[in-house]
């Protein structure tokens, strides 16, 4: 039941997020371009060094031991 309650809360939070953003956009005099709104743009693929750093940070947060 706790899992079902968490799922329902997450779904409601998602709907609230969507409603808030829809209203915020409706109040804008001019809308941003789609790419500016959702992010992205001219960024290329991430380098392997950047990916490795992110994986190591996540592993440390999860309590994994660093590779020797």
C-alpha atoms as a PDB file:
ATOM      1  CA  UNK A   1       0.000   0.000   0.000  1.00  0.00           C
ATOM      2  CA  UNK A   2       2.905   2.357   0.672  1.00  0.00           C
ATOM      3  CA  UNK A   3       4.154   1.787  -2.867  1.00  0.00           C
ATOM      4  CA  UNK A   4       0.721   2.487  -4.318  1.00  0.00           C
ATOM      5  CA  UNK A   5       0.444   5.665  -2.249  1.00  0.00           C
ATOM      6  CA  UNK A   6       3.897   6.792  -3.427  1.00  0.00           C
ATOM      7  CA  UNK A   7       2.923   6.112  -7.048  1.00  0.00           C
ATOM      8  CA  UNK A   8      -0.300   8.083  -6.706  1.00  0.00           C
ATOM      9  CA  UNK A   9       1.545  10.973  -5.059  1.00  0.00           C
ATOM     10  CA  UNK A  10       4.118  10.965  -7.866  1.00  0.00           C
ATOM     11  CA  UNK A  11       1.377  10.973 -10.499  1.00  0.00           C
ATOM     12  CA  UNK A  12      -0.395  13.863  -8.765  1.00  0.00           C
ATOM     13  CA  UNK A  13       2.867  15.802  -8.474  1.00  0.00           C
ATOM     14  CA  UNK A  14       3.395  15.293 -12.206  1.00  0.00           C
ATOM     15  CA  UNK A  15      -0.057  16.613 -13.000  1.00  0.00           C
ATOM     16  CA  UNK A  16       0.463  19.612 -10.710  1.00  0.00           C
ATOM     17  CA  UNK A  17       3.824  20.331 -12.393  1.00  0.00           C
ATOM     18  CA  UNK A  18       2.188  20.175 -15.812  1.00  0.00           C
ATOM     19  CA  UNK A  19      -0.717  22.422 -14.778  1.00  0.00           C
ATOM     20  CA  UNK A  20       1.611  24.989 -13.227  1.00  0.00           C
ATOM     21  CA  UNK A  21       3.820  25.153 -16.308  1.00  0.00           C
ATOM     22  CA  UNK A  22       0.852  25.289 -18.692  1.00  0.00           C
ATOM     23  CA  UNK A  23      -0.532  28.273 -16.803  1.00  0.00           C
ATOM     24  CA  UNK A  24       2.886  29.935 -16.575  1.00  0.00           C
ATOM     25  CA  UNK A  25       3.312  29.619 -20.342  1.00  0.00           C
ATOM     26  CA  UNK A  26      -0.220  30.867 -20.956  1.00  0.00           C
ATOM     27  CA  UNK A  27       0.667  34.092 -19.108  1.00  0.00           C
ATOM     28  CA  UNK A  28       3.727  34.793 -21.253  1.00  0.00           C
ATOM     29  CA  UNK A  29       3.467  37.570 -23.819  1.00  0.00           C
ATOM     30  CA  UNK A  30       5.887  35.734 -26.086  1.00  0.00           C
ATOM     31  CA  UNK A  31       6.799  32.091 -25.871  1.00  0.00           C
ATOM     32  CA  UNK A  32      10.409  30.955 -25.897  1.00  0.00           C
ATOM     33  CA  UNK A  33      11.508  28.784 -28.778  1.00  0.00           C
ATOM     34  CA  UNK A  34      10.969  25.075 -28.267  1.00  0.00           C
ATOM     35  CA  UNK A  35      14.684  24.252 -27.974  1.00  0.00           C
ATOM     36  CA  UNK A  36      15.243  27.081 -25.497  1.00  0.00           C
ATOM     37  CA  UNK A  37      12.291  25.868 -23.435  1.00  0.00           C
ATOM     38  CA  UNK A  38      13.201  22.180 -23.271  1.00  0.00           C
ATOM     39  CA  UNK A  39      16.954  22.687 -23.229  1.00  0.00           C
ATOM     40  CA  UNK A  40      19.306  21.068 -25.616  1.00  0.00           C
ATOM     41  CA  UNK A  41      20.486  23.150 -28.475  1.00  0.00           C
ATOM     42  CA  UNK A  42      24.015  23.129 -29.800  1.00  0.00           C
ATOM     43  CA  UNK A  43      25.477  20.787 -27.214  1.00  0.00           C
ATOM     44  CA  UNK A  44      27.132  17.814 -28.777  1.00  0.00           C
ATOM     45  CA  UNK A  45      27.578  14.376 -27.274  1.00  0.00           C
ATOM     46  CA  UNK A  46      29.237  14.203 -23.871  1.00  0.00           C
ATOM     47  CA  UNK A  47      32.856  13.191 -23.763  1.00  0.00           C
ATOM     48  CA  UNK A  48      33.836   9.871 -22.238  1.00  0.00           C
ATOM     49  CA  UNK A  49      35.685  11.776 -19.480  1.00  0.00           C
ATOM     50  CA  UNK A  50      32.502  13.688 -18.576  1.00  0.00           C
ATOM     51  CA  UNK A  51      30.465  10.480 -18.532  1.00  0.00           C
ATOM     52  CA  UNK A  52      33.051   8.701 -16.381  1.00  0.00           C
ATOM     53  CA  UNK A  53      33.063  11.579 -13.882  1.00  0.00           C
ATOM     54  CA  UNK A  54      29.262  11.457 -13.633  1.00  0.00           C
ATOM     55  CA  UNK A  55      29.251   7.670 -13.160  1.00  0.00           C
ATOM     56  CA  UNK A  56      31.859   7.952 -10.426  1.00  0.00           C
ATOM     57  CA  UNK A  57      29.843  10.668  -8.668  1.00  0.00           C
ATOM     58  CA  UNK A  58      26.679   8.560  -8.779  1.00  0.00           C
ATOM     59  CA  UNK A  59      28.562   5.497  -7.563  1.00  0.00           C
ATOM     60  CA  UNK A  60      29.977   7.485  -4.636  1.00  0.00           C
ATOM     61  CA  UNK A  61      26.501   8.766  -3.742  1.00  0.00           C
ATOM     62  CA  UNK A  62      25.196   5.202  -3.767  1.00  0.00           C
ATOM     63  CA  UNK A  63      28.045   4.074  -1.527  1.00  0.00           C
ATOM     64  CA  UNK A  64      29.963   2.006  -4.089  1.00  0.00           C
ATOM     65  CA  UNK A  65      33.630   1.433  -3.449  1.00  0.00           C
ATOM     66  CA  UNK A  66      35.967   3.059  -5.992  1.00  0.00           C
ATOM     67  CA  UNK A  67      37.656   0.796  -8.511  1.00  0.00           C
ATOM     68  CA  UNK A  68      41.268   0.027  -7.764  1.00  0.00           C
END
